[in-house]
Structure formats: structure tokens, C-alpha cells
Protein backbone atom coordinates (compact mmCIF):
# COMPACT_ATOMS: atom_id res chain seq x y z
CA VAL A 1 41.32 12.34 -11.04
CA PRO A 2 40.06 13.00 -14.55
CA PRO A 3 36.64 14.72 -14.44
CA PRO A 4 34.82 12.07 -16.55
CA LEU A 5 36.04 9.30 -14.22
CA LEU A 6 35.01 11.29 -11.14
CA LEU A 7 31.55 11.94 -12.58
CA SER A 8 31.15 8.28 -13.46
CA ALA A 9 32.18 7.13 -9.97
CA VAL A 10 29.83 9.62 -8.26
CA ALA A 11 26.93 8.64 -10.55
CA ALA A 12 27.49 4.95 -9.81
CA ARG A 13 27.54 5.56 -6.06
CA LEU A 14 24.39 7.68 -6.23
CA GLY A 15 22.68 4.92 -8.17
CA ARG A 16 23.67 2.31 -5.57
CA SER A 17 22.54 4.60 -2.77
CA ARG A 18 19.11 5.11 -4.38
CA PHE A 19 18.77 1.37 -4.91
CA LEU A 20 19.64 0.59 -1.28
CA ASN A 21 17.22 3.24 -0.03
CA SER A 22 14.46 1.73 -2.17
CA LEU A 23 15.15 -1.65 -0.55
CA LEU A 24 14.69 -0.08 2.87
CA ASP A 25 11.40 1.56 1.89
CA ARG A 26 9.85 -1.36 -0.04
CA ASP A 27 8.40 -4.63 1.18
CA GLY A 28 10.26 -7.52 -0.44
CA LEU A 29 7.17 -9.58 -1.27
CA THR A 30 4.74 -6.93 -2.53
CA ARG A 31 7.14 -4.11 -3.54
CA LEU A 32 4.81 -1.71 -1.72
CA LEU A 33 5.98 0.77 0.88
CA THR A 34 6.94 -0.68 4.24
CA HIS A 35 5.04 0.20 7.40
CA THR A 36 7.63 2.84 8.37
CA ALA A 37 7.82 4.40 4.91
CA PHE A 38 4.02 4.53 4.73
CA LEU A 39 3.81 6.28 8.11
CA GLU A 40 6.33 8.88 6.90
CA ARG A 41 4.03 9.67 3.96
CA ALA A 42 1.02 9.84 6.29
CA ARG A 43 2.88 12.32 8.52
CA ALA A 44 3.60 14.42 5.44
CA ALA A 45 -0.11 14.40 4.53
CA LEU A 46 -0.95 15.45 8.08
CA ALA A 47 1.53 18.34 7.93
CA LEU A 48 0.09 19.44 4.58
CA LYS A 49 -3.44 19.40 6.03
CA GLN A 50 -2.29 21.67 8.86
CA ARG A 51 -1.08 24.20 6.28
CA HIS A 52 -4.04 23.79 3.88
CA GLU A 53 -7.29 23.08 5.72
CA ASP A 54 -9.18 22.30 2.51
CA LYS A 55 -6.77 19.48 1.57
CA LEU A 56 -8.54 16.12 1.23
CA SER A 57 -6.76 12.97 2.39
CA ALA A 58 -8.26 9.56 3.07
CA TRP A 59 -6.55 6.75 5.00
CA VAL A 60 -7.75 3.31 3.92
CA MET A 61 -6.98 0.20 5.96
CA ILE A 62 -7.35 -3.08 4.09
CA ASP A 63 -7.33 -6.47 5.80
CA LEU A 64 -7.53 -9.76 3.91
CA ASP A 65 -10.45 -11.79 5.24
CA HIS A 66 -9.66 -15.19 6.80
CA PHE A 67 -6.07 -15.03 5.58
CA LYS A 68 -4.83 -17.42 8.27
CA ALA A 69 -7.23 -20.04 6.88
CA VAL A 70 -5.74 -19.51 3.39
CA ASN A 71 -2.23 -20.13 4.72
CA ASP A 72 -3.37 -23.12 6.78
CA LYS A 73 -5.33 -24.78 3.96
CA TYR A 74 -3.16 -23.99 0.92
CA GLY A 75 0.24 -23.16 2.40
CA HIS A 76 2.29 -20.00 2.77
CA PRO A 77 3.51 -19.87 -0.87
CA VAL A 78 -0.12 -19.63 -2.01
CA GLY A 79 -0.79 -17.03 0.69
CA ASP A 80 2.18 -15.04 -0.60
CA ARG A 81 0.68 -15.14 -4.10
CA VAL A 82 -2.61 -13.82 -2.72
CA LEU A 83 -0.75 -10.93 -1.05
CA GLY A 84 1.07 -10.28 -4.33
CA ALA A 85 -2.20 -10.33 -6.27
CA LEU A 86 -3.75 -7.73 -3.97
CA ALA A 87 -0.64 -5.56 -4.17
CA ALA A 88 -0.67 -5.78 -7.97
CA LEU A 89 -4.36 -4.87 -8.11
CA LEU A 90 -3.81 -1.84 -5.89
CA ARG A 91 -0.87 -0.68 -8.02
CA ARG A 92 -2.89 -1.10 -11.23
CA ARG A 93 -6.11 0.55 -10.08
CA LEU A 94 -4.92 3.38 -7.84
CA ARG A 95 -3.41 6.59 -9.10
CA GLN A 96 0.32 7.22 -9.14
CA ALA A 97 -0.25 10.01 -6.61
CA ASP A 98 -1.84 7.62 -4.10
CA THR A 99 0.38 6.02 -1.46
CA ILE A 100 0.15 2.25 -1.01
CA GLY A 101 1.86 0.28 1.72
CA ARG A 102 1.95 -3.14 3.28
CA TYR A 103 1.08 -2.23 6.83
CA GLY A 104 1.90 -5.65 8.25
CA GLY A 105 1.02 -9.28 7.66
CA GLU A 106 -2.16 -9.27 5.63
CA GLU A 107 -2.90 -5.60 6.27
CA PHE A 108 -2.44 -2.92 3.64
CA ALA A 109 -2.85 0.83 3.90
CA VAL A 110 -3.57 3.45 1.27
CA LEU A 111 -3.51 7.23 1.33
CA ILE A 112 -5.85 8.72 -1.24
CA GLU A 113 -5.29 12.40 -1.90
CA ASP A 114 -7.70 15.00 -3.28
CA LEU A 115 -10.73 12.74 -3.53
CA PRO A 116 -13.92 13.29 -1.52
CA GLU A 117 -14.96 10.59 0.97
CA ALA A 118 -17.83 9.26 -1.17
CA ASP A 119 -15.52 8.84 -4.18
CA SER A 120 -12.81 7.21 -2.06
CA THR A 121 -15.33 4.77 -0.62
CA ARG A 122 -16.70 3.96 -4.10
CA LEU A 123 -13.17 3.37 -5.37
CA ILE A 124 -12.37 0.95 -2.54
CA SER A 125 -15.71 -0.83 -3.04
CA ARG A 126 -14.86 -1.38 -6.71
CA LEU A 127 -11.44 -2.75 -5.71
CA LEU A 128 -13.10 -5.06 -3.20
CA GLU A 129 -15.45 -6.44 -5.87
CA GLU A 130 -12.64 -6.88 -8.37
CA PHE A 131 -10.37 -8.64 -5.89
CA ALA A 132 -13.19 -10.92 -4.69
CA GLY A 133 -13.68 -11.98 -8.31
CA LEU A 134 -10.07 -13.06 -8.79
CA GLU A 135 -9.39 -16.79 -8.85
CA HIS A 136 -6.32 -17.89 -6.95
CA GLN A 137 -4.86 -21.13 -8.29
CA VAL A 138 -3.64 -24.00 -6.13
CA ALA A 139 -1.63 -27.09 -6.94
CA GLY A 140 -3.71 -29.84 -8.46
CA GLY A 141 -5.86 -27.52 -10.56
CA GLY A 142 -8.12 -26.10 -7.86
CA SER A 143 -8.83 -22.48 -7.21
CA PHE A 144 -10.41 -20.29 -4.56
CA HIS A 145 -11.55 -16.71 -4.03
CA CYS A 146 -10.46 -14.33 -1.32
CA ALA A 147 -11.90 -11.04 -0.12
CA PHE A 148 -10.84 -8.13 2.02
CA SER A 149 -12.44 -5.72 4.45
CA ALA A 150 -11.62 -2.03 4.38
CA GLY A 151 -12.18 1.10 6.39
CA VAL A 152 -11.91 4.65 5.03
CA ALA A 153 -11.29 7.71 7.20
CA MET A 154 -10.96 11.26 5.97
CA LEU A 155 -8.36 13.40 7.70
CA GLN A 156 -10.13 15.98 9.85
CA ASP A 157 -8.63 19.21 11.23
CA ASN A 158 -8.51 17.95 14.83
CA MET A 159 -6.88 14.56 14.08
CA ASP A 160 -3.40 13.39 14.85
CA LEU A 161 -1.77 10.41 13.17
CA ASP A 162 -3.04 7.83 15.68
CA SER A 163 -6.63 9.04 15.65
CA TRP A 164 -6.66 9.09 11.83
CA LYS A 165 -5.34 5.53 11.70
CA LYS A 166 -7.84 4.32 14.33
CA ALA A 167 -10.71 5.97 12.47
CA ALA A 168 -9.76 4.00 9.35
């Protein structure tokens, strides 16, 4: 096999493999990390904390308020747009180094690295205000607002993954 052809074939297969792996790790609707991929990143943060006690990591759980009512009143396509709007806001406002995932249904999770608890809480409060101010359009020209609730938990030395998640 001529070397250029071999290199081309290997590069194409690597590209396809990376693409397929990204599909496994990303939620189809929001393009955020899946539950499983997010937990893998959280485990990595936990392992890093065990090696470096001064490492700061915050787990943020976000839950859309009254999301079932949104789906019931406006329909699932509108609910999907609300989920997409929150995902887009999180991607725009959080740092590239932060980890964002769709934890399940209307729940999202974020890992914020190297930011003290007060700053992490302030950041999430600003996101809450910004999201609550967004207008979500419905057929017929109407609109509505949606909000979320969030909990922030800093990773402590004595925590395991489950206790960190529950604290958030």
C-alpha cells in the first residue's frame, strides 16, 4: 500500500472514530455531556483533589423549575427549545475549562474548577437571573419566562462522588 494512501485511510478512520465517540459523550438535544460522560469528569476531579488538597472544585446541580408544566402547557417541542436555551446560555457564560452536562430530563450539572465557593455561587446567581429574563416564544405570538433552581457544593477532602453530588 502506498504510504500516502495508508496515511489517508488511517486519518479518515481516526476522524470517524472521534466523531462516533463524541456522539456517545454528547446529548443529542443540548450537545452537552451525557450523564455518564459528566460523571467520568467528576471522578477525574475527585482523583485530582486527592492528589492536590488545595484544588477547588464545585459541583452545581441545576433543575428547571416547573418544567413539566411547560411541556404540558406549550408542548414538548417548546420544552426542548427551553432546554436548548439553557444549554446555550451555560456554554456562552461558563469558561471552556468548566464541565457542563445534561444530567437527565430537565437537570443539568456543572463542574466549576479553581473558583472559590462565593464566586461560584455568584456566577450561578447571575446565570439564574439571565435565564429568568429570557423570553421563550410560543406559537401564536405569545411568550413566557422560565427559571431554574441550583445547588452548589464544594468538593471537600472527606467526600466521595455520591456525597459531593448529594451536597449539590
